[in-house]
Amino acid sequence: MLVERHGLIYKVNSNIPYTGCSVVPYDNGQFKVRENYKDGKLDGVSEWFFKNGQLKVRKTFKDGKQEGLWEWFYSNGQLGERGNYKDGKADGFFIHFNE
């Protein structure tokens, strides 16, 4: 189990910021959230899922800030929106796709 303290993520009963993958499941066993951490901060791919197992959101982080491609999907798996982030802020145009 992971906990947040002072803006960083730790394993319970640890004083070392967490590095690794975190998975949060729905009651049905499907992934709800899968995120990667480095030194207690989001780093790498973060994915959120619908209860049916379809990908909902995929985004990337670097040193705790959103960085790079961001994608949002409809519950049927079709891409709904795509954009880019740089240093934690939206960068450029976001494209919306109708279902």
PDB file of N, CA and C in Angstrom:
ATOM      1  N   MET A   1       0.838  -1.178   0.000  1.00  0.00           N
ATOM      2  CA  MET A   1       0.000   0.000   0.000  1.00  0.00           C
ATOM      3  C   MET A   1       0.885   1.244   0.000  1.00  0.00           C
ATOM      4  N   LEU A   2       0.439   2.260  -0.741  1.00  0.00           N
ATOM      5  CA  LEU A   2       1.197   3.497  -0.850  1.00  0.00           C
ATOM      6  C   LEU A   2       0.470   4.629  -0.141  1.00  0.00           C
ATOM      7  N   VAL A   3       1.246   5.568   0.376  1.00  0.00           N
ATOM      8  CA  VAL A   3       0.691   6.745   1.041  1.00  0.00           C
ATOM      9  C   VAL A   3       1.421   7.989   0.545  1.00  0.00           C
ATOM     10  N   GLU A   4       0.730   9.134   0.620  1.00  0.00           N
ATOM     11  CA  GLU A   4       1.329  10.405   0.215  1.00  0.00           C
ATOM     12  C   GLU A   4       1.707  11.189   1.464  1.00  0.00           C
ATOM     13  N   ARG A   5       2.943  11.672   1.484  1.00  0.00           N
ATOM     14  CA  ARG A   5       3.422  12.522   2.577  1.00  0.00           C
ATOM     15  C   ARG A   5       4.254  13.646   1.990  1.00  0.00           C
ATOM     16  N   HIS A   6       3.860  14.864   2.293  1.00  0.00           N
ATOM     17  CA  HIS A   6       4.624  16.042   1.870  1.00  0.00           C
ATOM     18  C   HIS A   6       4.847  16.062   0.357  1.00  0.00           C
ATOM     19  N   GLY A   7       3.825  15.648  -0.402  1.00  0.00           N
ATOM     20  CA  GLY A   7       3.897  15.716  -1.858  1.00  0.00           C
ATOM     21  C   GLY A   7       4.610  14.562  -2.528  1.00  0.00           C
ATOM     22  N   LEU A   8       5.069  13.574  -1.760  1.00  0.00           N
ATOM     23  CA  LEU A   8       5.743  12.407  -2.327  1.00  0.00           C
ATOM     24  C   LEU A   8       5.001  11.135  -1.933  1.00  0.00           C
ATOM     25  N   ILE A   9       5.197  10.084  -2.708  1.00  0.00           N
ATOM     26  CA  ILE A   9       4.559   8.792  -2.454  1.00  0.00           C
ATOM     27  C   ILE A   9       5.566   7.846  -1.802  1.00  0.00           C
ATOM     28  N   TYR A  10       5.094   7.149  -0.749  1.00  0.00           N
ATOM     29  CA  TYR A  10       5.919   6.199  -0.001  1.00  0.00           C
ATOM     30  C   TYR A  10       5.150   4.896   0.167  1.00  0.00           C
ATOM     31  N   LYS A  11       5.871   3.801   0.370  1.00  0.00           N
ATOM     32  CA  LYS A  11       5.240   2.587   0.867  1.00  0.00           C
ATOM     33  C   LYS A  11       4.916   2.845   2.330  1.00  0.00           C
ATOM     34  N   VAL A  12       3.822   2.233   2.803  1.00  0.00           N
ATOM     35  CA  VAL A  12       3.468   2.365   4.218  1.00  0.00           C
ATOM     36  C   VAL A  12       4.652   1.896   5.064  1.00  0.00           C
ATOM     37  N   ASN A  13       4.942   2.602   6.127  1.00  0.00           N
ATOM     38  CA  ASN A  13       6.033   2.275   7.059  1.00  0.00           C
ATOM     39  C   ASN A  13       7.419   2.390   6.443  1.00  0.00           C
ATOM     40  N   SER A  14       7.562   3.200   5.384  1.00  0.00           N
ATOM     41  CA  SER A  14       8.871   3.424   4.771  1.00  0.00           C
ATOM     42  C   SER A  14       9.164   4.918   4.752  1.00  0.00           C
ATOM     43  N   ASN A  15      10.435   5.255   4.897  1.00  0.00           N
ATOM     44  CA  ASN A  15      10.868   6.648   4.802  1.00  0.00           C
ATOM     45  C   ASN A  15      11.566   6.933   3.487  1.00  0.00           C
ATOM     46  N   ILE A  16      11.570   5.950   2.588  1.00  0.00           N
ATOM     47  CA  ILE A  16      12.216   6.101   1.282  1.00  0.00           C
ATOM     48  C   ILE A  16      11.133   6.339   0.234  1.00  0.00           C
ATOM     49  N   PRO A  17      11.202   7.461  -0.528  1.00  0.00           N
ATOM     50  CA  PRO A  17      10.212   7.698  -1.581  1.00  0.00           C
ATOM     51  C   PRO A  17      10.129   6.499  -2.534  1.00  0.00           C
ATOM     52  N   TYR A  18       8.893   6.155  -2.912  1.00  0.00           N
ATOM     53  CA  TYR A  18       8.618   4.947  -3.690  1.00  0.00           C
ATOM     54  C   TYR A  18       9.077   5.060  -5.139  1.00  0.00           C
ATOM     55  N   THR A  19       9.683   3.984  -5.636  1.00  0.00           N
ATOM     56  CA  THR A  19      10.011   3.819  -7.048  1.00  0.00           C
ATOM     57  C   THR A  19       9.435   2.481  -7.480  1.00  0.00           C
ATOM     58  N   GLY A  20       8.619   2.515  -8.537  1.00  0.00           N
ATOM     59  CA  GLY A  20       8.012   1.286  -9.041  1.00  0.00           C
ATOM     60  C   GLY A  20       6.629   1.550  -9.596  1.00  0.00           C
ATOM     61  N   CYS A  21       5.907   0.475  -9.847  1.00  0.00           N
ATOM     62  CA  CYS A  21       4.568   0.536 -10.426  1.00  0.00           C
ATOM     63  C   CYS A  21       3.519   0.383  -9.327  1.00  0.00           C
ATOM     64  N   SER A  22       2.452   1.139  -9.435  1.00  0.00           N
ATOM     65  CA  SER A  22       1.317   1.037  -8.522  1.00  0.00           C
ATOM     66  C   SER A  22       0.082   0.658  -9.326  1.00  0.00           C
ATOM     67  N   VAL A  23      -0.669  -0.324  -8.831  1.00  0.00           N
ATOM     68  CA  VAL A  23      -1.890  -0.773  -9.501  1.00  0.00           C
ATOM     69  C   VAL A  23      -3.039  -0.721  -8.504  1.00  0.00           C
ATOM     70  N   VAL A  24      -4.136  -0.097  -8.921  1.00  0.00           N
ATOM     71  CA  VAL A  24      -5.357  -0.054  -8.115  1.00  0.00           C
ATOM     72  C   VAL A  24      -6.438  -0.788  -8.904  1.00  0.00           C
ATOM     73  N   PRO A  25      -7.022  -1.856  -8.336  1.00  0.00           N
ATOM     74  CA  PRO A  25      -8.048  -2.612  -9.063  1.00  0.00           C
ATOM     75  C   PRO A  25      -9.473  -2.161  -8.714  1.00  0.00           C
ATOM     76  N   TYR A  26     -10.385  -2.443  -9.640  1.00  0.00           N
ATOM     77  CA  TYR A  26     -11.817  -2.368  -9.332  1.00  0.00           C
ATOM     78  C   TYR A  26     -12.180  -3.610  -8.523  1.00  0.00           C
ATOM     79  N   ASP A  27     -13.381  -3.635  -7.973  1.00  0.00           N
ATOM     80  CA  ASP A  27     -13.861  -4.810  -7.236  1.00  0.00           C
ATOM     81  C   ASP A  27     -13.911  -6.058  -8.109  1.00  0.00           C
ATOM     82  N   ASN A  28     -14.106  -5.863  -9.427  1.00  0.00           N
ATOM     83  CA  ASN A  28     -14.197  -7.007 -10.344  1.00  0.00           C
ATOM     84  C   ASN A  28     -12.819  -7.538 -10.771  1.00  0.00           C
ATOM     85  N   GLY A  29     -11.742  -6.936 -10.242  1.00  0.00           N
ATOM     86  CA  GLY A  29     -10.396  -7.397 -10.552  1.00  0.00           C
ATOM     87  C   GLY A  29      -9.731  -6.676 -11.708  1.00  0.00           C
ATOM     88  N   GLN A  30     -10.505  -5.956 -12.526  1.00  0.00           N
ATOM     89  CA  GLN A  30      -9.931  -5.182 -13.632  1.00  0.00           C
ATOM     90  C   GLN A  30      -9.105  -4.025 -13.057  1.00  0.00           C
ATOM     91  N   PHE A  31      -8.080  -3.615 -13.818  1.00  0.00           N
ATOM     92  CA  PHE A  31      -7.301  -2.444 -13.405  1.00  0.00           C
ATOM     93  C   PHE A  31      -8.182  -1.202 -13.436  1.00  0.00           C
ATOM     94  N   LYS A  32      -8.052  -0.374 -12.413  1.00  0.00           N
ATOM     95  CA  LYS A  32      -8.669   0.952 -12.393  1.00  0.00           C
ATOM     96  C   LYS A  32      -7.606   1.986 -12.740  1.00  0.00           C
ATOM     97  N   VAL A  33      -6.442   1.848 -12.105  1.00  0.00           N
ATOM     98  CA  VAL A  33      -5.322   2.770 -12.310  1.00  0.00           C
ATOM     99  C   VAL A  33      -4.025   1.981 -12.300  1.00  0.00           C
ATOM    100  N   ARG A  34      -3.125   2.355 -13.214  1.00  0.00           N
ATOM    101  CA  ARG A  34      -1.772   1.786 -13.220  1.00  0.00           C
ATOM    102  C   ARG A  34      -0.826   2.963 -13.456  1.00  0.00           C
ATOM    103  N   GLU A  35       0.047   3.214 -12.466  1.00  0.00           N
ATOM    104  CA  GLU A  35       0.937   4.374 -12.535  1.00  0.00           C
ATOM    105  C   GLU A  35       2.357   3.978 -12.146  1.00  0.00           C
ATOM    106  N   ASN A  36       3.304   4.734 -12.649  1.00  0.00           N
ATOM    107  CA  ASN A  36       4.716   4.503 -12.355  1.00  0.00           C
ATOM    108  C   ASN A  36       5.274   5.681 -11.566  1.00  0.00           C
ATOM    109  N   TYR A  37       6.112   5.344 -10.603  1.00  0.00           N
ATOM    110  CA  TYR A  37       6.722   6.353  -9.739  1.00  0.00           C
ATOM    111  C   TYR A  37       8.239   6.210  -9.739  1.00  0.00           C
ATOM    112  N   LYS A  38       8.903   7.354  -9.586  1.00  0.00           N
ATOM    113  CA  LYS A  38      10.358   7.364  -9.419  1.00  0.00           C
ATOM    114  C   LYS A  38      10.663   8.380  -8.327  1.00  0.00           C
ATOM    115  N   ASP A  39      11.323   7.924  -7.286  1.00  0.00           N
ATOM    116  CA  ASP A  39      11.666   8.783  -6.149  1.00  0.00           C
ATOM    117  C   ASP A  39      10.440   9.510  -5.590  1.00  0.00           C
ATOM    118  N   GLY A  40       9.305   8.799  -5.537  1.00  0.00           N
ATOM    119  CA  GLY A  40       8.099   9.337  -4.931  1.00  0.00           C
ATOM    120  C   GLY A  40       7.236  10.217  -5.815  1.00  0.00           C
ATOM    121  N   LYS A  41       7.645  10.411  -7.072  1.00  0.00           N
ATOM    122  CA  LYS A  41       6.892  11.261  -8.000  1.00  0.00           C
ATOM    123  C   LYS A  41       6.443  10.444  -9.205  1.00  0.00           C
ATOM    124  N   LEU A  42       5.286  10.826  -9.764  1.00  0.00           N
ATOM    125  CA  LEU A  42       4.846  10.175 -10.994  1.00  0.00           C
ATOM    126  C   LEU A  42       5.921  10.341 -12.051  1.00  0.00           C
ATOM    127  N   ASP A  43       6.225   9.243 -12.741  1.00  0.00           N
ATOM    128  CA  ASP A  43       7.279   9.274 -13.754  1.00  0.00           C
ATOM    129  C   ASP A  43       7.034   8.116 -14.723  1.00  0.00           C
ATOM    130  N   GLY A  44       6.792   8.448 -15.973  1.00  0.00           N
ATOM    131  CA  GLY A  44       6.487   7.419 -16.966  1.00  0.00           C
ATOM    132  C   GLY A  44       5.002   7.403 -17.277  1.00  0.00           C
ATOM    133  N   VAL A  45       4.525   6.281 -17.761  1.00  0.00           N
ATOM    134  CA  VAL A  45       3.136   6.160 -18.211  1.00  0.00           C
ATOM    135  C   VAL A  45       2.184   5.973 -17.032  1.00  0.00           C
ATOM    136  N   SER A  46       1.071   6.703 -17.079  1.00  0.00           N
ATOM    137  CA  SER A  46      -0.028   6.570 -16.127  1.00  0.00           C
ATOM    138  C   SER A  46      -1.269   6.228 -16.933  1.00  0.00           C
ATOM    139  N   GLU A  47      -1.978   5.167 -16.528  1.00  0.00           N
ATOM    140  CA  GLU A  47      -3.160   4.738 -17.270  1.00  0.00           C
ATOM    141  C   GLU A  47      -4.343   4.558 -16.324  1.00  0.00           C
ATOM    142  N   TRP A  48      -5.506   5.042 -16.760  1.00  0.00           N
ATOM    143  CA  TRP A  48      -6.772   4.871 -16.042  1.00  0.00           C
ATOM    144  C   TRP A  48      -7.688   4.075 -16.947  1.00  0.00           C
ATOM    145  N   PHE A  49      -8.495   3.201 -16.354  1.00  0.00           N
ATOM    146  CA  PHE A  49      -9.329   2.287 -17.125  1.00  0.00           C
ATOM    147  C   PHE A  49     -10.793   2.395 -16.715  1.00  0.00           C
ATOM    148  N   PHE A  50     -11.687   2.093 -17.672  1.00  0.00           N
ATOM    149  CA  PHE A  50     -13.103   1.923 -17.366  1.00  0.00           C
ATOM    150  C   PHE A  50     -13.273   0.594 -16.642  1.00  0.00           C
ATOM    151  N   LYS A  51     -14.396   0.430 -15.974  1.00  0.00           N
ATOM    152  CA  LYS A  51     -14.657  -0.808 -15.235  1.00  0.00           C
ATOM    153  C   LYS A  51     -14.697  -2.025 -16.158  1.00  0.00           C
ATOM    154  N   ASN A  52     -14.997  -1.811 -17.459  1.00  0.00           N
ATOM    155  CA  ASN A  52     -15.035  -2.916 -18.419  1.00  0.00           C
ATOM    156  C   ASN A  52     -13.642  -3.316 -18.918  1.00  0.00           C
ATOM    157  N   GLY A  53     -12.605  -2.641 -18.417  1.00  0.00           N
ATOM    158  CA  GLY A  53     -11.234  -2.975 -18.792  1.00  0.00           C
ATOM    159  C   GLY A  53     -10.664  -2.140 -19.917  1.00  0.00           C
ATOM    160  N   GLN A  54     -11.511  -1.374 -20.610  1.00  0.00           N
ATOM    161  CA  GLN A  54     -11.035  -0.516 -21.699  1.00  0.00           C
ATOM    162  C   GLN A  54     -10.236   0.660 -21.126  1.00  0.00           C
ATOM    163  N   LEU A  55      -9.206   1.050 -21.859  1.00  0.00           N
ATOM    164  CA  LEU A  55      -8.389   2.196 -21.466  1.00  0.00           C
ATOM    165  C   LEU A  55      -9.216   3.476 -21.513  1.00  0.00           C
ATOM    166  N   LYS A  56      -9.115   4.294 -20.473  1.00  0.00           N
ATOM    167  CA  LYS A  56      -9.854   5.555 -20.370  1.00  0.00           C
ATOM    168  C   LYS A  56      -8.943   6.750 -20.645  1.00  0.00           C
ATOM    169  N   VAL A  57      -7.793   6.780 -19.979  1.00  0.00           N
ATOM    170  CA  VAL A  57      -6.838   7.885 -20.122  1.00  0.00           C
ATOM    171  C   VAL A  57      -5.427   7.320 -20.075  1.00  0.00           C
ATOM    172  N   ARG A  58      -4.579   7.839 -20.960  1.00  0.00           N
ATOM    173  CA  ARG A  58      -3.152   7.499 -20.919  1.00  0.00           C
ATOM    174  C   ARG A  58      -2.387   8.816 -20.969  1.00  0.00           C
ATOM    175  N   LYS A  59      -1.501   8.981 -19.993  1.00  0.00           N
ATOM    176  CA  LYS A  59      -0.689  10.191 -19.954  1.00  0.00           C
ATOM    177  C   LYS A  59       0.692   9.844 -19.437  1.00  0.00           C
ATOM    178  N   THR A  60       1.640  10.704 -19.706  1.00  0.00           N
ATOM    179  CA  THR A  60       3.008  10.462 -19.260  1.00  0.00           C
ATOM    180  C   THR A  60       3.454  11.595 -18.332  1.00  0.00           C
ATOM    181  N   PHE A  61       4.333  11.214 -17.422  1.00  0.00           N
ATOM    182  CA  PHE A  61       4.865  12.164 -16.447  1.00  0.00           C
ATOM    183  C   PHE A  61       6.385  12.097 -16.437  1.00  0.00           C
ATOM    184  N   LYS A  62       6.984  13.210 -16.068  1.00  0.00           N
ATOM    185  CA  LYS A  62       8.431  13.269 -15.867  1.00  0.00           C
ATOM    186  C   LYS A  62       8.660  14.092 -14.606  1.00  0.00           C
ATOM    187  N   ASP A  63       9.275  13.470 -13.616  1.00  0.00           N
ATOM    188  CA  ASP A  63       9.591  14.140 -12.354  1.00  0.00           C
ATOM    189  C   ASP A  63       8.354  14.788 -11.723  1.00  0.00           C
ATOM    190  N   GLY A  64       7.213  14.076 -11.790  1.00  0.00           N
ATOM    191  CA  GLY A  64       5.996  14.550 -11.150  1.00  0.00           C
ATOM    192  C   GLY A  64       5.139  15.502 -11.965  1.00  0.00           C
ATOM    193  N   LYS A  65       5.599  15.900 -13.143  1.00  0.00           N
ATOM    194  CA  LYS A  65       4.840  16.814 -13.998  1.00  0.00           C
ATOM    195  C   LYS A  65       4.413  16.095 -15.270  1.00  0.00           C
ATOM    196  N   GLN A  66       3.199  16.422 -15.724  1.00  0.00           N
ATOM    197  CA  GLN A  66       2.724  15.812 -16.959  1.00  0.00           C
ATOM    198  C   GLN A  66       3.601  16.284 -18.111  1.00  0.00           C
ATOM    199  N   GLU A  67       4.013  15.324 -18.946  1.00  0.00           N
ATOM    200  CA  GLU A  67       4.973  15.610 -20.019  1.00  0.00           C
ATOM    201  C   GLU A  67       4.694  14.673 -21.189  1.00  0.00           C
ATOM    202  N   GLY A  68       4.464  15.245 -22.364  1.00  0.00           N
ATOM    203  CA  GLY A  68       4.271  14.415 -23.554  1.00  0.00           C
ATOM    204  C   GLY A  68       2.806  14.153 -23.864  1.00  0.00           C
ATOM    205  N   LEU A  69       2.567  13.061 -24.547  1.00  0.00           N
ATOM    206  CA  LEU A  69       1.247  12.733 -25.075  1.00  0.00           C
ATOM    207  C   LEU A  69       0.218  12.452 -23.978  1.00  0.00           C
ATOM    208  N   TRP A  70      -0.979  12.987 -24.176  1.00  0.00           N
ATOM    209  CA  TRP A  70      -2.147  12.724 -23.335  1.00  0.00           C
ATOM    210  C   TRP A  70      -3.262  12.241 -24.247  1.00  0.00           C
ATOM    211  N   GLU A  71      -3.906  11.124 -23.893  1.00  0.00           N
ATOM    212  CA  GLU A  71      -4.993  10.585 -24.706  1.00  0.00           C
ATOM    213  C   GLU A  71      -6.160  10.190 -23.811  1.00  0.00           C
ATOM    214  N   TRP A  72      -7.367  10.492 -24.276  1.00  0.00           N
ATOM    215  CA  TRP A  72      -8.600  10.106 -23.599  1.00  0.00           C
ATOM    216  C   TRP A  72      -9.419   9.253 -24.562  1.00  0.00           C
ATOM    217  N   PHE A  73     -10.022   8.180 -24.039  1.00  0.00           N
ATOM    218  CA  PHE A  73     -10.752   7.225 -24.866  1.00  0.00           C
ATOM    219  C   PHE A  73     -12.201   7.089 -24.401  1.00  0.00           C
ATOM    220  N   TYR A  74     -13.085   6.799 -25.361  1.00  0.00           N
ATOM    221  CA  TYR A  74     -14.470   6.431 -25.043  1.00  0.00           C
ATOM    222  C   TYR A  74     -14.468   5.024 -24.453  1.00  0.00           C
ATOM    223  N   SER A  75     -15.570   4.652 -23.796  1.00  0.00           N
ATOM    224  CA  SER A  75     -15.644   3.334 -23.154  1.00  0.00           C
ATOM    225  C   SER A  75     -15.616   2.179 -24.151  1.00  0.00           C
ATOM    226  N   ASN A  76     -15.845   2.468 -25.445  1.00  0.00           N
ATOM    227  CA  ASN A  76     -15.760   1.420 -26.471  1.00  0.00           C
ATOM    228  C   ASN A  76     -14.337   1.248 -27.003  1.00  0.00           C
ATOM    229  N   GLY A  77     -13.393   2.034 -26.464  1.00  0.00           N
ATOM    230  CA  GLY A  77     -11.999   1.927 -26.865  1.00  0.00           C
ATOM    231  C   GLY A  77     -11.569   2.917 -27.928  1.00  0.00           C
ATOM    232  N   GLN A  78     -12.517   3.647 -28.506  1.00  0.00           N
ATOM    233  CA  GLN A  78     -12.202   4.616 -29.559  1.00  0.00           C
ATOM    234  C   GLN A  78     -11.557   5.867 -28.964  1.00  0.00           C
ATOM    235  N   LEU A  79     -10.545   6.385 -29.643  1.00  0.00           N
ATOM    236  CA  LEU A  79      -9.864   7.602 -29.198  1.00  0.00           C
ATOM    237  C   LEU A  79     -10.837   8.776 -29.211  1.00  0.00           C
ATOM    238  N   GLY A  80     -10.902   9.519 -28.108  1.00  0.00           N
ATOM    239  CA  GLY A  80     -11.808  10.653 -27.991  1.00  0.00           C
ATOM    240  C   GLY A  80     -11.113  11.998 -28.038  1.00  0.00           C
ATOM    241  N   GLU A  81      -9.893  12.066 -27.502  1.00  0.00           N
ATOM    242  CA  GLU A  81      -9.163  13.327 -27.494  1.00  0.00           C
ATOM    243  C   GLU A  81      -7.676  13.047 -27.331  1.00  0.00           C
ATOM    244  N   ARG A  82      -6.885  13.926 -27.934  1.00  0.00           N
ATOM    245  CA  ARG A  82      -5.431  13.759 -27.868  1.00  0.00           C
ATOM    246  C   ARG A  82      -4.788  15.142 -27.794  1.00  0.00           C
ATOM    247  N   GLY A  83      -3.757  15.244 -26.971  1.00  0.00           N
ATOM    248  CA  GLY A  83      -3.034  16.499 -26.857  1.00  0.00           C
ATOM    249  C   GLY A  83      -1.648  16.258 -26.285  1.00  0.00           C
ATOM    250  N   ASN A  84      -0.942  17.338 -26.039  1.00  0.00           N
ATOM    251  CA  ASN A  84       0.427  17.234 -25.563  1.00  0.00           C
ATOM    252  C   ASN A  84       0.635  18.160 -24.364  1.00  0.00           C
ATOM    253  N   TYR A  85       1.487  17.722 -23.460  1.00  0.00           N
ATOM    254  CA  TYR A  85       1.859  18.517 -22.290  1.00  0.00           C
ATOM    255  C   TYR A  85       3.363  18.721 -22.272  1.00  0.00           C
ATOM    256  N   LYS A  86       3.749  19.889 -21.770  1.00  0.00           N
ATOM    257  CA  LYS A  86       5.168  20.184 -21.598  1.00  0.00           C
ATOM    258  C   LYS A  86       5.335  20.869 -20.248  1.00  0.00           C
ATOM    259  N   ASP A  87       6.183  20.299 -19.420  1.00  0.00           N
ATOM    260  CA  ASP A  87       6.470  20.855 -18.095  1.00  0.00           C
ATOM    261  C   ASP A  87       5.194  21.082 -17.282  1.00  0.00           C
ATOM    262  N   GLY A  88       4.242  20.129 -17.397  1.00  0.00           N
ATOM    263  CA  GLY A  88       3.026  20.180 -16.605  1.00  0.00           C
ATOM    264  C   GLY A  88       1.908  21.041 -17.156  1.00  0.00           C
ATOM    265  N   LYS A  89       2.104  21.646 -18.330  1.00  0.00           N
ATOM    266  CA  LYS A  89       1.085  22.521 -18.915  1.00  0.00           C
ATOM    267  C   LYS A  89       0.729  22.055 -20.319  1.00  0.00           C
ATOM    268  N   ALA A  90      -0.551  22.274 -20.697  1.00  0.00           N
ATOM    269  CA  ALA A  90      -0.996  21.942 -22.053  1.00  0.00           C
ATOM    270  C   ALA A  90      -0.121  22.693 -23.050  1.00  0.00           C
ATOM    271  N   ASP A  91       0.277  21.996 -24.106  1.00  0.00           N
ATOM    272  CA  ASP A  91       1.198  22.560 -25.092  1.00  0.00           C
ATOM    273  C   ASP A  91       0.634  22.327 -26.492  1.00  0.00           C
ATOM    274  N   GLY A  92       0.159  23.378 -27.127  1.00  0.00           N
ATOM    275  CA  GLY A  92      -0.373  23.246 -28.483  1.00  0.00           C
ATOM    276  C   GLY A  92      -1.852  22.899 -28.485  1.00  0.00           C
ATOM    277  N   PHE A  93      -2.284  22.370 -29.622  1.00  0.00           N
ATOM    278  CA  PHE A  93      -3.690  22.051 -29.827  1.00  0.00           C
ATOM    279  C   PHE A  93      -4.052  20.687 -29.263  1.00  0.00           C
ATOM    280  N   PHE A  94      -5.299  20.581 -28.823  1.00  0.00           N
ATOM    281  CA  PHE A  94      -5.876  19.298 -28.441  1.00  0.00           C
ATOM    282  C   PHE A  94      -6.908  18.954 -29.503  1.00  0.00           C
ATOM    283  N   ILE A  95      -6.887  17.735 -29.975  1.00  0.00           N
ATOM    284  CA  ILE A  95      -7.795  17.293 -31.030  1.00  0.00           C
ATOM    285  C   ILE A  95      -8.871  16.407 -30.419  1.00  0.00           C
ATOM    286  N   HIS A  96     -10.145  16.741 -30.711  1.00  0.00           N
ATOM    287  CA  HIS A  96     -11.274  15.954 -30.222  1.00  0.00           C
ATOM    288  C   HIS A  96     -11.818  15.102 -31.363  1.00  0.00           C
ATOM    289  N   PHE A  97     -12.120  13.848 -31.067  1.00  0.00           N
ATOM    290  CA  PHE A  97     -12.678  12.919 -32.046  1.00  0.00           C
ATOM    291  C   PHE A  97     -14.083  12.534 -31.603  1.00  0.00           C
ATOM    292  N   ASN A  98     -15.054  12.651 -32.510  1.00  0.00           N
ATOM    293  CA  ASN A  98     -16.426  12.238 -32.196  1.00  0.00           C
ATOM    294  C   ASN A  98     -16.520  10.728 -32.117  1.00  0.00           C
ATOM    295  N   GLU A  99     -17.423  10.268 -31.270  1.00  0.00           N
ATOM    296  CA  GLU A  99     -17.613   8.829 -31.089  1.00  0.00           C
ATOM    297  C   GLU A  99     -18.308   8.220 -32.292  1.00  0.00           C
TER     298      GLU A  99
END
